[in-house]
Amino acid sequence: MRIENYKIADWEVLETGVFLDENEGWILIKSIPSDYQLDGFKLLNKNHIVEISKVENSSVIQKVIELKEIKVQNPNDFKFDNTIEILKRLEAKYGCFEFQDEVEEELFYGTLGEYDDKSFSIDFIKSDGTIDLDFDEVFEMKDIRTISFESNYFNSISLLYNHCKKNRK
């Protein structure tokens, strides 16, 4: 079990997780947001990783994972692809997706709007599960640092959004 820290360009806080898989563009981890808590999956864009290091207390974290009898494995039906295809698959499965760009403090939840091979727009989902009709930001593919899913907060936003969407019909 590889438990690693990932230094993301322009970010101060390290991303920590159990390494699961990688391809030429992405690293997939089971996220460890603090101490011994595992919470969701995170894709890290390799173009923005400036350093990878071993976590100091990784043997203790591994022991806690074993004692909790947590199976750390790739998510069902996960497949690496380009950014748009990953977002499309997450939206199809969960109703929405989550990502971060160069601004470390901002998480974006949404559904895919218009896109081409360099940029995309989203219908931004607010924390109450509703769409922000005034949101009109366009994101550059090259700026995407992480894509996350199946965390407690992501699942909560997904549930709220899907509930709101169902009640609008």
C-alpha atoms as a PDB file:
ATOM      1  CA  MET A   1       0.000   0.000   0.000  1.00  0.00           C
ATOM      2  CA  ARG A   2       1.537   3.319  -1.124  1.00  0.00           C
ATOM      3  CA  ILE A   3       0.419   6.284   0.966  1.00  0.00           C
ATOM      4  CA  GLU A   4       1.755   9.470  -0.583  1.00  0.00           C
ATOM      5  CA  ASN A   5       1.686  13.244  -0.398  1.00  0.00           C
ATOM      6  CA  TYR A   6       1.243  15.166  -3.631  1.00  0.00           C
ATOM      7  CA  LYS A   7       2.367  18.766  -3.939  1.00  0.00           C
ATOM      8  CA  ILE A   8       0.130  20.527  -6.469  1.00  0.00           C
ATOM      9  CA  ALA A   9       1.442  23.603  -8.303  1.00  0.00           C
ATOM     10  CA  ASP A  10       0.187  26.874  -6.779  1.00  0.00           C
ATOM     11  CA  TRP A  11      -1.338  25.101  -3.753  1.00  0.00           C
ATOM     12  CA  GLU A  12      -0.095  25.226  -0.167  1.00  0.00           C
ATOM     13  CA  VAL A  13      -1.807  22.146   1.297  1.00  0.00           C
ATOM     14  CA  LEU A  14      -0.618  18.715   0.176  1.00  0.00           C
ATOM     15  CA  GLU A  15      -3.051  16.176  -1.229  1.00  0.00           C
ATOM     16  CA  THR A  16      -2.633  12.899   0.651  1.00  0.00           C
ATOM     17  CA  GLY A  17      -3.943   9.518  -0.344  1.00  0.00           C
ATOM     18  CA  VAL A  18      -3.495   5.851  -1.014  1.00  0.00           C
ATOM     19  CA  PHE A  19      -2.156   5.415  -4.535  1.00  0.00           C
ATOM     20  CA  LEU A  20      -4.516   3.242  -6.583  1.00  0.00           C
ATOM     21  CA  ASP A  21      -3.670   3.644 -10.262  1.00  0.00           C
ATOM     22  CA  GLU A  22      -2.348   5.984 -12.909  1.00  0.00           C
ATOM     23  CA  ASN A  23      -2.137   6.627 -16.611  1.00  0.00           C
ATOM     24  CA  GLU A  24      -0.137   9.166 -18.608  1.00  0.00           C
ATOM     25  CA  GLY A  25      -2.292  12.096 -17.443  1.00  0.00           C
ATOM     26  CA  TRP A  26      -3.804  11.259 -14.057  1.00  0.00           C
ATOM     27  CA  ILE A  27      -3.086   9.626 -10.700  1.00  0.00           C
ATOM     28  CA  LEU A  28      -6.048   8.040  -8.883  1.00  0.00           C
ATOM     29  CA  ILE A  29      -5.940   8.052  -5.079  1.00  0.00           C
ATOM     30  CA  LYS A  30      -8.218   7.162  -2.216  1.00  0.00           C
ATOM     31  CA  SER A  31      -8.187  10.523  -0.492  1.00  0.00           C
ATOM     32  CA  ILE A  32      -6.978  10.952   3.087  1.00  0.00           C
ATOM     33  CA  PRO A  33      -8.125  14.474   3.991  1.00  0.00           C
ATOM     34  CA  SER A  34      -6.949  14.214   7.612  1.00  0.00           C
ATOM     35  CA  ASP A  35      -5.336  11.770  10.007  1.00  0.00           C
ATOM     36  CA  TYR A  36      -6.900   8.334   9.531  1.00  0.00           C
ATOM     37  CA  GLN A  37      -9.982   9.387   7.583  1.00  0.00           C
ATOM     38  CA  LEU A  38     -10.456   8.032   4.070  1.00  0.00           C
ATOM     39  CA  ASP A  39     -13.026   9.991   2.094  1.00  0.00           C
ATOM     40  CA  GLY A  40     -13.694   9.502  -1.573  1.00  0.00           C
ATOM     41  CA  PHE A  41     -11.545   9.257  -4.648  1.00  0.00           C
ATOM     42  CA  LYS A  42      -9.445  11.933  -6.230  1.00  0.00           C
ATOM     43  CA  LEU A  43      -7.872  12.203  -9.638  1.00  0.00           C
ATOM     44  CA  LEU A  44      -4.744  14.338  -9.658  1.00  0.00           C
ATOM     45  CA  ASN A  45      -3.648  15.917 -12.920  1.00  0.00           C
ATOM     46  CA  LYS A  46      -0.006  14.916 -13.394  1.00  0.00           C
ATOM     47  CA  ASN A  47       0.737  18.170 -15.236  1.00  0.00           C
ATOM     48  CA  HIS A  48       0.283  20.018 -11.936  1.00  0.00           C
ATOM     49  CA  ILE A  49       2.079  17.654  -9.551  1.00  0.00           C
ATOM     50  CA  VAL A  50       5.426  19.185  -8.641  1.00  0.00           C
ATOM     51  CA  GLU A  51       6.472  16.665  -5.988  1.00  0.00           C
ATOM     52  CA  ILE A  52       5.468  13.260  -4.643  1.00  0.00           C
ATOM     53  CA  SER A  53       6.655  12.173  -1.209  1.00  0.00           C
ATOM     54  CA  LYS A  54       6.035   9.384   1.248  1.00  0.00           C
ATOM     55  CA  VAL A  55       3.817  10.194   4.225  1.00  0.00           C
ATOM     56  CA  GLU A  56       5.839  10.117   7.467  1.00  0.00           C
ATOM     57  CA  ASN A  57       3.394   7.990   9.458  1.00  0.00           C
ATOM     58  CA  SER A  58       2.260   5.851   6.523  1.00  0.00           C
ATOM     59  CA  SER A  59       2.798   2.588   8.420  1.00  0.00           C
ATOM     60  CA  VAL A  60       0.430   3.787  11.171  1.00  0.00           C
ATOM     61  CA  ILE A  61      -2.168   4.918   8.612  1.00  0.00           C
ATOM     62  CA  GLN A  62      -1.885   1.552   6.879  1.00  0.00           C
ATOM     63  CA  LYS A  63      -2.344  -0.260  10.205  1.00  0.00           C
ATOM     64  CA  VAL A  64      -5.490   1.792  10.961  1.00  0.00           C
ATOM     65  CA  ILE A  65      -6.890   0.976   7.504  1.00  0.00           C
ATOM     66  CA  GLU A  66      -6.240  -2.717   8.140  1.00  0.00           C
ATOM     67  CA  LEU A  67      -7.725  -2.603  11.656  1.00  0.00           C
ATOM     68  CA  LYS A  68     -10.847  -0.893  10.302  1.00  0.00           C
ATOM     69  CA  GLU A  69     -10.988  -3.663   7.669  1.00  0.00           C
ATOM     70  CA  ILE A  70     -11.309  -1.110   4.882  1.00  0.00           C
ATOM     71  CA  LYS A  71     -10.729  -2.488   1.398  1.00  0.00           C
ATOM     72  CA  VAL A  72      -8.880   0.170  -0.567  1.00  0.00           C
ATOM     73  CA  GLN A  73      -9.480  -0.512  -4.242  1.00  0.00           C
ATOM     74  CA  ASN A  74     -10.363   1.230  -7.475  1.00  0.00           C
ATOM     75  CA  PRO A  75     -13.978   2.383  -7.729  1.00  0.00           C
ATOM     76  CA  ASN A  76     -16.362   0.173  -9.697  1.00  0.00           C
ATOM     77  CA  ASP A  77     -16.449   0.871 -13.432  1.00  0.00           C
ATOM     78  CA  PHE A  78     -13.715   3.520 -13.244  1.00  0.00           C
ATOM     79  CA  LYS A  79     -11.849   4.207 -16.465  1.00  0.00           C
ATOM     80  CA  PHE A  80      -9.163   6.788 -17.223  1.00  0.00           C
ATOM     81  CA  ASP A  81      -9.857   9.148 -20.100  1.00  0.00           C
ATOM     82  CA  ASN A  82      -9.550  12.808 -21.001  1.00  0.00           C
ATOM     83  CA  THR A  83     -11.026  15.468 -18.716  1.00  0.00           C
ATOM     84  CA  ILE A  84     -14.329  15.876 -20.569  1.00  0.00           C
ATOM     85  CA  GLU A  85     -14.985  12.139 -20.807  1.00  0.00           C
ATOM     86  CA  ILE A  86     -14.247  11.684 -17.096  1.00  0.00           C
ATOM     87  CA  LEU A  87     -16.649  14.528 -16.218  1.00  0.00           C
ATOM     88  CA  LYS A  88     -19.322  13.074 -18.530  1.00  0.00           C
ATOM     89  CA  ARG A  89     -19.071   9.636 -16.908  1.00  0.00           C
ATOM     90  CA  LEU A  90     -19.226  11.085 -13.389  1.00  0.00           C
ATOM     91  CA  GLU A  91     -22.249  13.178 -14.336  1.00  0.00           C
ATOM     92  CA  ALA A  92     -23.951  10.134 -15.859  1.00  0.00           C
ATOM     93  CA  LYS A  93     -23.315   8.075 -12.723  1.00  0.00           C
ATOM     94  CA  TYR A  94     -23.873  10.672  -9.959  1.00  0.00           C
ATOM     95  CA  GLY A  95     -25.817  13.460 -11.671  1.00  0.00           C
ATOM     96  CA  CYS A  96     -22.923  15.904 -11.268  1.00  0.00           C
ATOM     97  CA  PHE A  97     -19.163  16.186 -10.865  1.00  0.00           C
ATOM     98  CA  GLU A  98     -16.608  18.018  -8.688  1.00  0.00           C
ATOM     99  CA  PHE A  99     -13.306  19.556  -9.681  1.00  0.00           C
ATOM    100  CA  GLN A 100     -10.705  22.114  -8.669  1.00  0.00           C
ATOM    101  CA  ASP A 101      -8.607  24.434 -10.776  1.00  0.00           C
ATOM    102  CA  GLU A 102      -5.637  26.591  -9.831  1.00  0.00           C
ATOM    103  CA  VAL A 103      -7.506  28.225  -6.921  1.00  0.00           C
ATOM    104  CA  GLU A 104      -6.949  25.802  -4.059  1.00  0.00           C
ATOM    105  CA  GLU A 105      -9.818  27.072  -1.899  1.00  0.00           C
ATOM    106  CA  GLU A 106     -12.542  26.646  -4.552  1.00  0.00           C
ATOM    107  CA  LEU A 107     -14.467  23.479  -5.317  1.00  0.00           C
ATOM    108  CA  PHE A 108     -16.761  23.466  -8.317  1.00  0.00           C
ATOM    109  CA  TYR A 109     -19.806  21.217  -8.537  1.00  0.00           C
ATOM    110  CA  GLY A 110     -21.736  21.119 -11.752  1.00  0.00           C
ATOM    111  CA  THR A 111     -23.034  19.555 -14.885  1.00  0.00           C
ATOM    112  CA  LEU A 112     -21.357  19.967 -18.228  1.00  0.00           C
ATOM    113  CA  GLY A 113     -22.350  22.876 -20.427  1.00  0.00           C
ATOM    114  CA  GLU A 114     -20.623  23.775 -23.673  1.00  0.00           C
ATOM    115  CA  TYR A 115     -17.133  22.467 -24.337  1.00  0.00           C
ATOM    116  CA  ASP A 116     -14.412  22.082 -26.923  1.00  0.00           C
ATOM    117  CA  ASP A 117     -10.951  20.554 -26.708  1.00  0.00           C
ATOM    118  CA  LYS A 118      -9.521  23.491 -24.718  1.00  0.00           C
ATOM    119  CA  SER A 119     -12.290  24.762 -22.419  1.00  0.00           C
ATOM    120  CA  PHE A 120     -15.709  24.062 -20.939  1.00  0.00           C
ATOM    121  CA  SER A 121     -18.539  25.704 -19.048  1.00  0.00           C
ATOM    122  CA  ILE A 122     -20.743  24.226 -16.360  1.00  0.00           C
ATOM    123  CA  ASP A 123     -24.117  24.661 -14.790  1.00  0.00           C
ATOM    124  CA  PHE A 124     -22.806  25.435 -11.304  1.00  0.00           C
ATOM    125  CA  ILE A 125     -24.479  23.624  -8.414  1.00  0.00           C
ATOM    126  CA  LYS A 126     -24.724  25.565  -5.162  1.00  0.00           C
ATOM    127  CA  SER A 127     -24.363  23.918  -1.741  1.00  0.00           C
ATOM    128  CA  ASP A 128     -28.160  23.614  -1.419  1.00  0.00           C
ATOM    129  CA  GLY A 129     -28.349  21.514  -4.604  1.00  0.00           C
ATOM    130  CA  THR A 130     -29.795  24.261  -6.833  1.00  0.00           C
ATOM    131  CA  ILE A 131     -28.271  25.647 -10.021  1.00  0.00           C
ATOM    132  CA  ASP A 132     -26.693  29.107  -9.892  1.00  0.00           C
ATOM    133  CA  LEU A 133     -28.264  30.769 -12.944  1.00  0.00           C
ATOM    134  CA  ASP A 134     -25.820  33.712 -12.783  1.00  0.00           C
ATOM    135  CA  PHE A 135     -22.668  31.570 -12.964  1.00  0.00           C
ATOM    136  CA  ASP A 136     -20.935  32.002 -16.322  1.00  0.00           C
ATOM    137  CA  GLU A 137     -17.283  31.081 -15.839  1.00  0.00           C
ATOM    138  CA  VAL A 138     -15.406  29.181 -18.547  1.00  0.00           C
ATOM    139  CA  PHE A 139     -12.695  26.752 -17.415  1.00  0.00           C
ATOM    140  CA  GLU A 140      -9.534  25.920 -19.301  1.00  0.00           C
ATOM    141  CA  MET A 141      -8.821  22.163 -19.483  1.00  0.00           C
ATOM    142  CA  LYS A 142      -5.163  22.825 -18.744  1.00  0.00           C
ATOM    143  CA  ASP A 143      -6.050  24.472 -15.401  1.00  0.00           C
ATOM    144  CA  ILE A 144      -7.897  21.489 -13.878  1.00  0.00           C
ATOM    145  CA  ARG A 145      -5.896  20.164 -10.924  1.00  0.00           C
ATOM    146  CA  THR A 146      -8.222  17.546  -9.395  1.00  0.00           C
ATOM    147  CA  ILE A 147     -11.469  15.718 -10.045  1.00  0.00           C
ATOM    148  CA  SER A 148     -13.093  14.153  -6.982  1.00  0.00           C
ATOM    149  CA  PHE A 149     -16.001  11.801  -6.341  1.00  0.00           C
ATOM    150  CA  GLU A 150     -17.625   9.608  -3.694  1.00  0.00           C
ATOM    151  CA  SER A 151     -16.517  11.784  -0.767  1.00  0.00           C
ATOM    152  CA  ASN A 152     -19.068  12.479   1.946  1.00  0.00           C
ATOM    153  CA  TYR A 153     -19.536  16.082   0.796  1.00  0.00           C
ATOM    154  CA  PHE A 154     -19.678  15.138  -2.901  1.00  0.00           C
ATOM    155  CA  ASN A 155     -22.323  12.500  -2.160  1.00  0.00           C
ATOM    156  CA  SER A 156     -24.334  15.078  -0.189  1.00  0.00           C
ATOM    157  CA  ILE A 157     -24.251  17.645  -3.019  1.00  0.00           C
ATOM    158  CA  SER A 158     -25.122  14.919  -5.521  1.00  0.00           C
ATOM    159  CA  LEU A 159     -28.125  13.811  -3.451  1.00  0.00           C
ATOM    160  CA  LEU A 160     -29.349  17.386  -2.998  1.00  0.00           C
ATOM    161  CA  TYR A 161     -28.896  18.216  -6.678  1.00  0.00           C
ATOM    162  CA  ASN A 162     -30.674  15.073  -7.869  1.00  0.00           C
ATOM    163  CA  HIS A 163     -33.512  15.714  -5.392  1.00  0.00           C
ATOM    164  CA  CYS A 164     -33.904  19.320  -6.614  1.00  0.00           C
ATOM    165  CA  LYS A 165     -33.745  18.203 -10.252  1.00  0.00           C
ATOM    166  CA  LYS A 166     -36.434  15.559  -9.693  1.00  0.00           C
ATOM    167  CA  ASN A 167     -38.718  18.068  -7.969  1.00  0.00           C
ATOM    168  CA  ARG A 168     -38.346  20.609 -10.819  1.00  0.00           C
ATOM    169  CA  LYS A 169     -39.877  18.234 -13.353  1.00  0.00           C
END
